[in-house]
Structures are given as C-alpha cells and as structure tokens.
Amino acid sequence: MTTYYVHSIITKYWKPGTNYLKRITDALEGIVTDGDFVVISEKALSIALGNIVDERTTSPSFNARLISRFWMQIIWGNLLCVLCRHGPRLRLRLLRYPLQSGSRHKQVALQQAGLLNALMWGSEGGIDGSNLPYSYVSLPLPNSNNFANKIHKEILLKTRKKVCVIIADTDKTYSYRTFHFTPRPKPMKGIKAIGGLIPYIIGRAFKLKRRSTPLAVAGVRLPVTKALMIANIADKARGSGSGATVWDMAARFRVPITEISWEMLSKTEHKPLVVVRKKVIIVE
C-alpha cells in the first residue's frame, strides 16, 4: 500500500521581484530527498515574476459593464450558481457583484483571455486576484514548462537531490474515466484545455471528479493521473492562503476588496511550496 507524507513549507510572501529560485532552494535545503515531488504554486511564481496587472489602470468597455451587470448578477446569481451546485454564500456575492471594480476586472479578462473565459464567475482563463493586494490580478505563466525545468535544475544544483518539480494551479481539472479536461489554458500534456464556461458547467453540474491542475512537470516522466493526484494532495495541504477568493480575503482582513495591502499579505502564512513524499507500507 502506498501513502504520502506531505510537508507544506511556510515562506515569506513572494512580492514582485522576489528571487524565487533562491527562495525555493533555501526553503528545500535539508528537507527534500531523492524521489520527492516538489509542487509549486503557479500564482506565487507569477507574482514573483511581476506577471500581474493593476486593474485600476483599466477602462471598462460596454461589453465588460454588460457582463458585470447582466451576466454576473442575473445569470450567474440566479441560474448558473444553482446549476453548478454552488452554495448560498457565493450566490449572494454574485447577486451583489461589484459593478465598478467588477467591470474593470472583466475588461482585463476580455483583453487577456477572451469572451468565453470572461463569462466565468472567477479565475477567468487563469486570471486570479486572490492573495494579491489592491486591484492587482495575476496572469498565467507564459510557459510553465520552461520554469519547471529551470527550477528542477536549480534544485539539483543546490541540494544535489533528484526531485520531480510540478507547477500547479488551484483551478480544477475534471475527469470522466480517462478523459481529463479543464477550462484552465495550457495544462500539462494529457489534459485537454477547453477554454471558457462550458467545461466548468459540465464538470460541476455532473459532479465529475475534480482536482487541482498540474501545468508542467520536470525531472521525471509522470502519467497525467499521478500528476493530478500529487497536485491535489499538495493543494489540500497548502490551503487557501489569505483566502480562496477575493471576497474571502477581504472578509479575513475586514476591509473592502480593493483595500488589502502588501503589508497585510506579508503578515499571513504563505505556503507556495509543498513537498510530497511517497511512503510504501507493507501490510502482512
């Protein structure tokens, strides 16, 4: 029987400009062993790289305003929330979807991810505002495989340990038997990227198995089913940081959504790295 040992590593908050390679290798020194899986949050990497957008600089178009007022408040708040089996708290938040900041957010989603992704209630095409201050949102990494390979080489160089590096996102992959699909763009090979609203609705409405999405793997050849399992184990161990959504984050700090500061985020625990280690138990 195989079980897994999981170690979530707490580090300082990774602000833009953070030397993420040094943070990773310093945190792993004396902890990792050969054969470990090192799962890294894509969002933490994006923030460290400055791959973020300040939505305050965006002027919303008519389409963005229409999505915020009609689609989010009426369609999501009254119909899609029920169809996707979301609870009353999220439904109430969508019924009260903020028109001003929400329109700016939808404009960024339209520009960066296109209309079908902008129709999602959150994490449109991998765009995410949780664990970021003010009106910043993070964008998906342009090439996750390059970063995974770079991190793997640096870990091997500094720790002399042969590990498997996985860059993962909390956005879900849905599985029907051996078919795996996600609305998240550019997942690892073996997961079908179907952008937009439809795969999300199908996955949620039919209660398909859902797990965090591995975006890139370096160090070993890993079957997609195992990568999904490891990414999901790591995600559960990591938790939601300052909050799973911008609403949760604002509720935690007791301030409006756009008034969370870098200082507030720096005072909370952050776990951008999770070490997952296979343990074999022999049952006699």
C-alpha atoms as a PDB file:
ATOM      1  CA  MET A   1       0.000   0.000   0.000  1.00  0.00           C
ATOM      2  CA  THR A   2       1.286   3.469  -0.890  1.00  0.00           C
ATOM      3  CA  THR A   3       0.698   6.530   1.240  1.00  0.00           C
ATOM      4  CA  TYR A   4       2.178  10.005   1.036  1.00  0.00           C
ATOM      5  CA  TYR A   5       3.987  12.230   3.506  1.00  0.00           C
ATOM      6  CA  VAL A   6       3.233  15.905   2.899  1.00  0.00           C
ATOM      7  CA  HIS A   7       5.246  18.898   4.107  1.00  0.00           C
ATOM      8  CA  SER A   8       3.849  22.380   3.421  1.00  0.00           C
ATOM      9  CA  ILE A   9       6.699  24.894   3.587  1.00  0.00           C
ATOM     10  CA  ILE A  10       5.951  28.334   5.004  1.00  0.00           C
ATOM     11  CA  THR A  11       7.904  31.180   3.446  1.00  0.00           C
ATOM     12  CA  LYS A  12       7.735  34.952   3.360  1.00  0.00           C
ATOM     13  CA  TYR A  13       5.228  36.376   0.916  1.00  0.00           C
ATOM     14  CA  TRP A  14       6.663  36.447  -2.605  1.00  0.00           C
ATOM     15  CA  LYS A  15       6.336  40.042  -3.797  1.00  0.00           C
ATOM     16  CA  PRO A  16       7.186  41.131  -7.358  1.00  0.00           C
ATOM     17  CA  GLY A  17      10.942  40.964  -7.838  1.00  0.00           C
ATOM     18  CA  THR A  18      11.442  38.114  -5.353  1.00  0.00           C
ATOM     19  CA  ASN A  19      14.335  35.815  -6.249  1.00  0.00           C
ATOM     20  CA  TYR A  20      12.095  32.759  -6.428  1.00  0.00           C
ATOM     21  CA  LEU A  21      14.934  30.335  -7.254  1.00  0.00           C
ATOM     22  CA  LYS A  22      16.817  31.276  -4.091  1.00  0.00           C
ATOM     23  CA  ARG A  23      13.623  31.199  -2.010  1.00  0.00           C
ATOM     24  CA  ILE A  24      12.853  27.711  -3.290  1.00  0.00           C
ATOM     25  CA  THR A  25      16.301  26.199  -2.818  1.00  0.00           C
ATOM     26  CA  ASP A  26      16.814  27.825   0.599  1.00  0.00           C
ATOM     27  CA  ALA A  27      13.444  26.501   1.768  1.00  0.00           C
ATOM     28  CA  LEU A  28      14.135  22.987   0.490  1.00  0.00           C
ATOM     29  CA  GLU A  29      17.669  22.680   1.897  1.00  0.00           C
ATOM     30  CA  GLY A  30      17.780  19.809   4.368  1.00  0.00           C
ATOM     31  CA  ILE A  31      14.174  18.846   3.672  1.00  0.00           C
ATOM     32  CA  VAL A  32      13.987  17.211   0.253  1.00  0.00           C
ATOM     33  CA  THR A  33      15.252  13.740  -0.557  1.00  0.00           C
ATOM     34  CA  ASP A  34      15.690  11.879  -3.823  1.00  0.00           C
ATOM     35  CA  GLY A  35      12.350  10.968  -5.376  1.00  0.00           C
ATOM     36  CA  ASP A  36      10.310  13.720  -3.718  1.00  0.00           C
ATOM     37  CA  PHE A  37       7.677  15.716  -5.559  1.00  0.00           C
ATOM     38  CA  VAL A  38       8.065  19.473  -5.156  1.00  0.00           C
ATOM     39  CA  VAL A  39       4.789  21.183  -6.012  1.00  0.00           C
ATOM     40  CA  ILE A  40       4.986  24.932  -6.621  1.00  0.00           C
ATOM     41  CA  SER A  41       2.110  27.408  -6.813  1.00  0.00           C
ATOM     42  CA  GLU A  42       1.876  28.999 -10.234  1.00  0.00           C
ATOM     43  CA  LYS A  43       0.383  32.123  -8.706  1.00  0.00           C
ATOM     44  CA  ALA A  44       3.348  32.604  -6.371  1.00  0.00           C
ATOM     45  CA  LEU A  45       5.690  32.357  -9.358  1.00  0.00           C
ATOM     46  CA  SER A  46       3.618  34.805 -11.395  1.00  0.00           C
ATOM     47  CA  ILE A  47       3.647  37.349  -8.577  1.00  0.00           C
ATOM     48  CA  ALA A  48       7.396  36.975  -8.042  1.00  0.00           C
ATOM     49  CA  LEU A  49       7.955  37.489 -11.774  1.00  0.00           C
ATOM     50  CA  GLY A  50       5.756  40.590 -11.806  1.00  0.00           C
ATOM     51  CA  ASN A  51       3.311  38.848 -14.132  1.00  0.00           C
ATOM     52  CA  ILE A  52       0.455  40.904 -12.705  1.00  0.00           C
ATOM     53  CA  VAL A  53      -1.911  43.665 -13.850  1.00  0.00           C
ATOM     54  CA  ASP A  54      -3.242  46.629 -11.904  1.00  0.00           C
ATOM     55  CA  GLU A  55      -6.918  46.789 -12.846  1.00  0.00           C
ATOM     56  CA  ARG A  56      -7.184  50.383 -11.638  1.00  0.00           C
ATOM     57  CA  THR A  57      -5.456  51.425 -14.872  1.00  0.00           C
ATOM     58  CA  THR A  58      -8.137  49.748 -16.990  1.00  0.00           C
ATOM     59  CA  SER A  59     -11.154  51.487 -18.505  1.00  0.00           C
ATOM     60  CA  PRO A  60     -14.097  49.083 -18.854  1.00  0.00           C
ATOM     61  CA  SER A  61     -15.843  48.758 -22.195  1.00  0.00           C
ATOM     62  CA  PHE A  62     -19.584  48.464 -22.757  1.00  0.00           C
ATOM     63  CA  ASN A  63     -19.203  44.669 -23.004  1.00  0.00           C
ATOM     64  CA  ALA A  64     -17.373  44.495 -19.681  1.00  0.00           C
ATOM     65  CA  ARG A  65     -20.098  46.551 -17.993  1.00  0.00           C
ATOM     66  CA  LEU A  66     -22.792  44.383 -19.549  1.00  0.00           C
ATOM     67  CA  ILE A  67     -21.110  41.196 -18.306  1.00  0.00           C
ATOM     68  CA  SER A  68     -20.837  42.616 -14.785  1.00  0.00           C
ATOM     69  CA  ARG A  69     -24.402  43.901 -14.532  1.00  0.00           C
ATOM     70  CA  PHE A  70     -26.397  41.363 -16.529  1.00  0.00           C
ATOM     71  CA  TRP A  71     -24.350  38.182 -16.788  1.00  0.00           C
ATOM     72  CA  MET A  72     -22.780  38.111 -13.336  1.00  0.00           C
ATOM     73  CA  GLN A  73     -25.641  39.442 -11.218  1.00  0.00           C
ATOM     74  CA  ILE A  74     -28.600  37.945 -13.066  1.00  0.00           C
ATOM     75  CA  ILE A  75     -27.428  34.846 -14.951  1.00  0.00           C
ATOM     76  CA  TRP A  76     -24.763  33.670 -12.517  1.00  0.00           C
ATOM     77  CA  GLY A  77     -26.567  34.864  -9.412  1.00  0.00           C
ATOM     78  CA  ASN A  78     -29.905  33.295 -10.285  1.00  0.00           C
ATOM     79  CA  LEU A  79     -29.233  30.382 -12.638  1.00  0.00           C
ATOM     80  CA  LEU A  80     -25.663  29.194 -13.078  1.00  0.00           C
ATOM     81  CA  CYS A  81     -24.872  29.158  -9.360  1.00  0.00           C
ATOM     82  CA  VAL A  82     -27.665  26.625  -8.884  1.00  0.00           C
ATOM     83  CA  LEU A  83     -26.707  24.607 -11.962  1.00  0.00           C
ATOM     84  CA  CYS A  84     -23.060  24.447 -10.836  1.00  0.00           C
ATOM     85  CA  ARG A  85     -24.073  23.437  -7.297  1.00  0.00           C
ATOM     86  CA  HIS A  86     -22.543  26.461  -5.556  1.00  0.00           C
ATOM     87  CA  GLY A  87     -23.678  27.414  -2.085  1.00  0.00           C
ATOM     88  CA  PRO A  88     -25.795  30.361  -0.940  1.00  0.00           C
ATOM     89  CA  ARG A  89     -22.792  32.450   0.147  1.00  0.00           C
ATOM     90  CA  LEU A  90     -21.272  32.591  -3.344  1.00  0.00           C
ATOM     91  CA  ARG A  91     -24.700  33.135  -4.878  1.00  0.00           C
ATOM     92  CA  LEU A  92     -25.276  36.158  -2.638  1.00  0.00           C
ATOM     93  CA  ARG A  93     -21.876  37.559  -3.546  1.00  0.00           C
ATOM     94  CA  LEU A  94     -22.622  37.218  -7.248  1.00  0.00           C
ATOM     95  CA  LEU A  95     -26.037  38.816  -6.860  1.00  0.00           C
ATOM     96  CA  ARG A  96     -24.128  41.751  -5.345  1.00  0.00           C
ATOM     97  CA  TYR A  97     -21.291  41.618  -7.886  1.00  0.00           C
ATOM     98  CA  PRO A  98     -19.463  44.989  -7.714  1.00  0.00           C
ATOM     99  CA  LEU A  99     -20.175  46.925 -10.879  1.00  0.00           C
ATOM    100  CA  GLN A 100     -17.245  49.363 -10.887  1.00  0.00           C
ATOM    101  CA  SER A 101     -14.320  47.132  -9.885  1.00  0.00           C
ATOM    102  CA  GLY A 102     -16.050  44.118 -11.452  1.00  0.00           C
ATOM    103  CA  SER A 103     -16.301  45.861 -14.826  1.00  0.00           C
ATOM    104  CA  ARG A 104     -12.598  46.671 -14.765  1.00  0.00           C
ATOM    105  CA  HIS A 105     -11.841  43.047 -13.888  1.00  0.00           C
ATOM    106  CA  LYS A 106     -14.000  41.772 -16.745  1.00  0.00           C
ATOM    107  CA  GLN A 107     -12.261  44.179 -19.130  1.00  0.00           C
ATOM    108  CA  VAL A 108      -8.891  42.653 -18.187  1.00  0.00           C
ATOM    109  CA  ALA A 109     -10.404  39.187 -18.661  1.00  0.00           C
ATOM    110  CA  LEU A 110     -11.707  40.134 -22.102  1.00  0.00           C
ATOM    111  CA  GLN A 111      -8.315  41.510 -23.124  1.00  0.00           C
ATOM    112  CA  GLN A 112      -6.210  38.702 -21.689  1.00  0.00           C
ATOM    113  CA  ALA A 113      -8.422  35.619 -22.017  1.00  0.00           C
ATOM    114  CA  GLY A 114     -11.290  36.357 -24.425  1.00  0.00           C
ATOM    115  CA  LEU A 115     -15.068  36.407 -24.143  1.00  0.00           C
ATOM    116  CA  LEU A 116     -15.712  32.750 -23.259  1.00  0.00           C
ATOM    117  CA  ASN A 117     -13.338  32.933 -20.312  1.00  0.00           C
ATOM    118  CA  ALA A 118     -14.628  36.336 -19.231  1.00  0.00           C
ATOM    119  CA  LEU A 119     -18.045  34.744 -18.715  1.00  0.00           C
ATOM    120  CA  MET A 120     -16.666  32.646 -15.835  1.00  0.00           C
ATOM    121  CA  TRP A 121     -17.537  33.891 -12.347  1.00  0.00           C
ATOM    122  CA  GLY A 122     -13.853  33.861 -11.342  1.00  0.00           C
ATOM    123  CA  SER A 123     -10.353  32.775 -12.379  1.00  0.00           C
ATOM    124  CA  GLU A 124     -11.100  33.680 -15.964  1.00  0.00           C
ATOM    125  CA  GLY A 125      -8.501  31.916 -18.092  1.00  0.00           C
ATOM    126  CA  GLY A 126      -6.183  31.606 -15.101  1.00  0.00           C
ATOM    127  CA  ILE A 127      -6.523  35.281 -14.070  1.00  0.00           C
ATOM    128  CA  ASP A 128      -6.721  35.484 -10.286  1.00  0.00           C
ATOM    129  CA  GLY A 129      -6.987  38.286  -7.721  1.00  0.00           C
ATOM    130  CA  SER A 130      -6.788  36.242  -4.526  1.00  0.00           C
ATOM    131  CA  ASN A 131      -3.645  36.667  -2.382  1.00  0.00           C
ATOM    132  CA  LEU A 132      -2.918  39.957  -4.129  1.00  0.00           C
ATOM    133  CA  PRO A 133      -3.443  43.492  -2.799  1.00  0.00           C
ATOM    134  CA  TYR A 134      -5.492  46.432  -4.030  1.00  0.00           C
ATOM    135  CA  SER A 135      -6.713  45.857  -7.598  1.00  0.00           C
ATOM    136  CA  TYR A 136      -3.924  43.573  -8.781  1.00  0.00           C
ATOM    137  CA  VAL A 137      -4.546  40.256 -10.501  1.00  0.00           C
ATOM    138  CA  SER A 138      -2.049  37.624 -11.562  1.00  0.00           C
ATOM    139  CA  LEU A 139      -1.832  36.261 -15.095  1.00  0.00           C
ATOM    140  CA  PRO A 140      -0.970  32.682 -16.054  1.00  0.00           C
ATOM    141  CA  LEU A 141       2.675  31.914 -16.724  1.00  0.00           C
ATOM    142  CA  PRO A 142       3.584  32.256 -20.421  1.00  0.00           C
ATOM    143  CA  ASN A 143       5.497  28.945 -20.468  1.00  0.00           C
ATOM    144  CA  SER A 144       5.216  26.778 -17.377  1.00  0.00           C
ATOM    145  CA  ASN A 145       7.474  24.044 -18.781  1.00  0.00           C
ATOM    146  CA  ASN A 146      10.439  26.413 -19.062  1.00  0.00           C
ATOM    147  CA  PHE A 147      10.053  27.499 -15.447  1.00  0.00           C
ATOM    148  CA  ALA A 148       9.616  23.913 -14.208  1.00  0.00           C
ATOM    149  CA  ASN A 149      12.822  22.827 -15.959  1.00  0.00           C
ATOM    150  CA  LYS A 150      14.715  25.851 -14.655  1.00  0.00           C
ATOM    151  CA  ILE A 151      13.589  25.205 -11.078  1.00  0.00           C
ATOM    152  CA  HIS A 152      14.387  21.497 -11.344  1.00  0.00           C
ATOM    153  CA  LYS A 153      17.953  22.231 -12.485  1.00  0.00           C
ATOM    154  CA  GLU A 154      18.460  24.766  -9.682  1.00  0.00           C
ATOM    155  CA  ILE A 155      17.219  22.327  -7.011  1.00  0.00           C
ATOM    156  CA  LEU A 156      19.563  19.623  -8.335  1.00  0.00           C
ATOM    157  CA  LEU A 157      22.479  22.067  -8.405  1.00  0.00           C
ATOM    158  CA  LYS A 158      21.940  23.482  -4.904  1.00  0.00           C
ATOM    159  CA  THR A 159      20.630  20.454  -2.967  1.00  0.00           C
ATOM    160  CA  ARG A 160      22.056  17.574  -5.014  1.00  0.00           C
ATOM    161  CA  LYS A 161      18.655  15.885  -4.810  1.00  0.00           C
ATOM    162  CA  LYS A 162      16.779  14.412  -7.745  1.00  0.00           C
ATOM    163  CA  VAL A 163      13.192  15.541  -7.375  1.00  0.00           C
ATOM    164  CA  CYS A 164      10.144  15.903  -9.572  1.00  0.00           C
ATOM    165  CA  VAL A 165       9.002  19.504  -9.929  1.00  0.00           C
ATOM    166  CA  ILE A 166       5.314  20.188 -10.577  1.00  0.00           C
ATOM    167  CA  ILE A 167       3.901  23.656 -11.190  1.00  0.00           C
ATOM    168  CA  ALA A 168       0.199  23.568 -10.358  1.00  0.00           C
ATOM    169  CA  ASP A 169      -2.836  25.815 -10.208  1.00  0.00           C
ATOM    170  CA  THR A 170      -5.885  25.568  -7.961  1.00  0.00           C
ATOM    171  CA  ASP A 171      -8.202  25.821 -10.981  1.00  0.00           C
ATOM    172  CA  LYS A 172      -9.793  22.426 -11.406  1.00  0.00           C
ATOM    173  CA  THR A 173      -9.372  19.648 -13.924  1.00  0.00           C
ATOM    174  CA  TYR A 174     -12.444  17.462 -14.361  1.00  0.00           C
ATOM    175  CA  SER A 175     -12.173  13.764 -15.136  1.00  0.00           C
ATOM    176  CA  TYR A 176     -14.567  11.375 -16.829  1.00  0.00           C
ATOM    177  CA  ARG A 177     -12.925   7.960 -16.771  1.00  0.00           C
ATOM    178  CA  THR A 178      -9.634   8.508 -18.631  1.00  0.00           C
ATOM    179  CA  PHE A 179     -10.626  11.833 -20.195  1.00  0.00           C
ATOM    180  CA  HIS A 180      -9.344  14.876 -18.302  1.00  0.00           C
ATOM    181  CA  PHE A 181     -10.355  18.415 -19.227  1.00  0.00           C
ATOM    182  CA  THR A 182     -10.103  21.904 -17.750  1.00  0.00           C
ATOM    183  CA  PRO A 183     -11.175  25.469 -18.563  1.00  0.00           C
ATOM    184  CA  ARG A 184      -7.668  26.496 -17.487  1.00  0.00           C
ATOM    185  CA  PRO A 185      -5.422  27.261 -20.505  1.00  0.00           C
ATOM    186  CA  LYS A 186      -2.156  25.408 -21.118  1.00  0.00           C
ATOM    187  CA  PRO A 187      -2.296  22.481 -18.660  1.00  0.00           C
ATOM    188  CA  MET A 188       0.230  19.638 -18.823  1.00  0.00           C
ATOM    189  CA  LYS A 189       0.119  17.233 -21.747  1.00  0.00           C
ATOM    190  CA  GLY A 190      -2.685  14.714 -21.307  1.00  0.00           C
ATOM    191  CA  ILE A 191      -5.208  17.249 -20.015  1.00  0.00           C
ATOM    192  CA  LYS A 192      -7.486  18.808 -22.622  1.00  0.00           C
ATOM    193  CA  ALA A 193      -7.793  22.585 -22.356  1.00  0.00           C
ATOM    194  CA  ILE A 194     -11.324  23.619 -23.303  1.00  0.00           C
ATOM    195  CA  GLY A 195     -11.452  27.330 -22.645  1.00  0.00           C
ATOM    196  CA  GLY A 196     -14.468  29.062 -21.263  1.00  0.00           C
ATOM    197  CA  LEU A 197     -17.652  28.433 -19.401  1.00  0.00           C
ATOM    198  CA  ILE A 198     -18.953  25.158 -20.854  1.00  0.00           C
ATOM    199  CA  PRO A 199     -16.391  22.703 -19.400  1.00  0.00           C
ATOM    200  CA  TYR A 200     -16.769  24.327 -15.988  1.00  0.00           C
ATOM    201  CA  ILE A 201     -20.559  23.944 -16.069  1.00  0.00           C
ATOM    202  CA  ILE A 202     -20.325  20.330 -17.290  1.00  0.00           C
ATOM    203  CA  GLY A 203     -17.775  19.388 -14.628  1.00  0.00           C
ATOM    204  CA  ARG A 204     -19.734  20.988 -11.797  1.00  0.00           C
ATOM    205  CA  ALA A 205     -23.262  20.093 -12.923  1.00  0.00           C
ATOM    206  CA  PHE A 206     -22.477  16.404 -13.447  1.00  0.00           C
ATOM    207  CA  LYS A 207     -20.359  16.217 -10.283  1.00  0.00           C
ATOM    208  CA  LEU A 208     -17.309  14.916 -12.150  1.00  0.00           C
ATOM    209  CA  LYS A 209     -14.165  14.221 -10.181  1.00  0.00           C
ATOM    210  CA  ARG A 210     -12.254  17.478  -9.860  1.00  0.00           C
ATOM    211  CA  ARG A 211      -8.657  18.082  -8.854  1.00  0.00           C
ATOM    212  CA  SER A 212      -6.105  20.868  -8.983  1.00  0.00           C
ATOM    213  CA  THR A 213      -4.463  21.290 -12.370  1.00  0.00           C
ATOM    214  CA  PRO A 214      -0.804  20.390 -12.975  1.00  0.00           C
ATOM    215  CA  LEU A 215       0.598  22.767 -15.582  1.00  0.00           C
ATOM    216  CA  ALA A 216       4.134  21.462 -16.017  1.00  0.00           C
ATOM    217  CA  VAL A 217       6.280  18.572 -14.800  1.00  0.00           C
ATOM    218  CA  ALA A 218      10.081  18.378 -14.801  1.00  0.00           C
ATOM    219  CA  GLY A 219      12.527  15.739 -13.598  1.00  0.00           C
ATOM    220  CA  VAL A 220      10.626  12.560 -14.430  1.00  0.00           C
ATOM    221  CA  ARG A 221       8.055  11.316 -16.908  1.00  0.00           C
ATOM    222  CA  LEU A 222       4.848  11.393 -14.907  1.00  0.00           C
ATOM    223  CA  PRO A 223       1.485   9.959 -16.015  1.00  0.00           C
ATOM    224  CA  VAL A 224      -1.256  12.561 -16.006  1.00  0.00           C
ATOM    225  CA  THR A 225      -3.326  10.637 -13.452  1.00  0.00           C
ATOM    226  CA  LYS A 226      -0.462  10.641 -10.982  1.00  0.00           C
ATOM    227  CA  ALA A 227       0.326  14.308 -11.617  1.00  0.00           C
ATOM    228  CA  LEU A 228      -3.318  15.149 -10.891  1.00  0.00           C
ATOM    229  CA  MET A 229      -3.199  13.142  -7.672  1.00  0.00           C
ATOM    230  CA  ILE A 230       0.030  14.760  -6.443  1.00  0.00           C
ATOM    231  CA  ALA A 231      -1.149  18.274  -7.378  1.00  0.00           C
ATOM    232  CA  ASN A 232      -4.389  17.719  -5.490  1.00  0.00           C
ATOM    233  CA  ILE A 233      -2.637  16.351  -2.393  1.00  0.00           C
ATOM    234  CA  ALA A 234      -0.409  19.427  -2.374  1.00  0.00           C
ATOM    235  CA  ASP A 235      -3.319  21.818  -2.859  1.00  0.00           C
ATOM    236  CA  LYS A 236      -5.214  20.381   0.105  1.00  0.00           C
ATOM    237  CA  ALA A 237      -2.092  20.609   2.277  1.00  0.00           C
ATOM    238  CA  ARG A 238      -1.343  24.183   1.194  1.00  0.00           C
ATOM    239  CA  GLY A 239      -4.758  25.589   1.979  1.00  0.00           C
ATOM    240  CA  SER A 240      -6.099  28.838   0.587  1.00  0.00           C
ATOM    241  CA  GLY A 241      -3.516  31.293   1.921  1.00  0.00           C
ATOM    242  CA  SER A 242      -5.158  34.627   2.655  1.00  0.00           C
ATOM    243  CA  GLY A 243      -8.418  33.413   1.132  1.00  0.00           C
ATOM    244  CA  ALA A 244      -9.756  31.198  -1.625  1.00  0.00           C
ATOM    245  CA  THR A 245     -11.425  34.188  -3.319  1.00  0.00           C
ATOM    246  CA  VAL A 246     -11.064  37.963  -3.161  1.00  0.00           C
ATOM    247  CA  TRP A 247     -14.259  38.033  -1.089  1.00  0.00           C
ATOM    248  CA  ASP A 248     -12.823  35.579   1.451  1.00  0.00           C
ATOM    249  CA  MET A 249      -9.616  37.586   1.594  1.00  0.00           C
ATOM    250  CA  ALA A 250     -11.498  40.845   2.195  1.00  0.00           C
ATOM    251  CA  ALA A 251     -13.606  39.203   4.897  1.00  0.00           C
ATOM    252  CA  ARG A 252     -10.488  37.926   6.622  1.00  0.00           C
ATOM    253  CA  PHE A 253      -8.873  41.369   6.763  1.00  0.00           C
ATOM    254  CA  ARG A 254     -12.207  43.149   7.332  1.00  0.00           C
ATOM    255  CA  VAL A 255     -11.629  45.703   4.593  1.00  0.00           C
ATOM    256  CA  PRO A 256     -13.132  46.301   1.136  1.00  0.00           C
ATOM    257  CA  ILE A 257     -11.800  44.123  -1.650  1.00  0.00           C
ATOM    258  CA  THR A 258      -9.570  46.830  -3.118  1.00  0.00           C
ATOM    259  CA  GLU A 259      -8.061  47.986   0.205  1.00  0.00           C
ATOM    260  CA  ILE A 260      -5.957  44.952   1.075  1.00  0.00           C
ATOM    261  CA  SER A 261      -2.298  45.988   1.234  1.00  0.00           C
ATOM    262  CA  TRP A 262       1.064  44.336   0.630  1.00  0.00           C
ATOM    263  CA  GLU A 263       1.723  44.720   4.359  1.00  0.00           C
ATOM    264  CA  MET A 264      -1.418  42.797   5.283  1.00  0.00           C
ATOM    265  CA  LEU A 265      -0.484  39.948   2.992  1.00  0.00           C
ATOM    266  CA  SER A 266       3.081  39.887   4.320  1.00  0.00           C
ATOM    267  CA  LYS A 267       1.796  39.184   7.822  1.00  0.00           C
ATOM    268  CA  THR A 268      -0.032  35.994   6.863  1.00  0.00           C
ATOM    269  CA  GLU A 269       1.323  32.490   6.367  1.00  0.00           C
ATOM    270  CA  HIS A 270       2.144  31.574   2.777  1.00  0.00           C
ATOM    271  CA  LYS A 271       2.881  28.081   1.547  1.00  0.00           C
ATOM    272  CA  PRO A 272       3.995  28.317  -2.081  1.00  0.00           C
ATOM    273  CA  LEU A 273       5.932  25.045  -1.804  1.00  0.00           C
ATOM    274  CA  VAL A 274       4.692  21.597  -0.842  1.00  0.00           C
ATOM    275  CA  VAL A 275       6.900  18.514  -0.654  1.00  0.00           C
ATOM    276  CA  VAL A 276       5.069  15.251  -1.298  1.00  0.00           C
ATOM    277  CA  ARG A 277       6.951  12.041  -0.496  1.00  0.00           C
ATOM    278  CA  LYS A 278       5.873   8.524  -1.292  1.00  0.00           C
ATOM    279  CA  LYS A 279       5.821   6.089   1.616  1.00  0.00           C
ATOM    280  CA  VAL A 280       5.378   2.392   0.973  1.00  0.00           C
ATOM    281  CA  ILE A 281       3.721   0.473   3.799  1.00  0.00           C
ATOM    282  CA  ILE A 282       3.994  -3.290   3.698  1.00  0.00           C
ATOM    283  CA  VAL A 283       0.851  -4.955   5.010  1.00  0.00           C
ATOM    284  CA  GLU A 284       1.432  -8.538   6.105  1.00  0.00           C
END
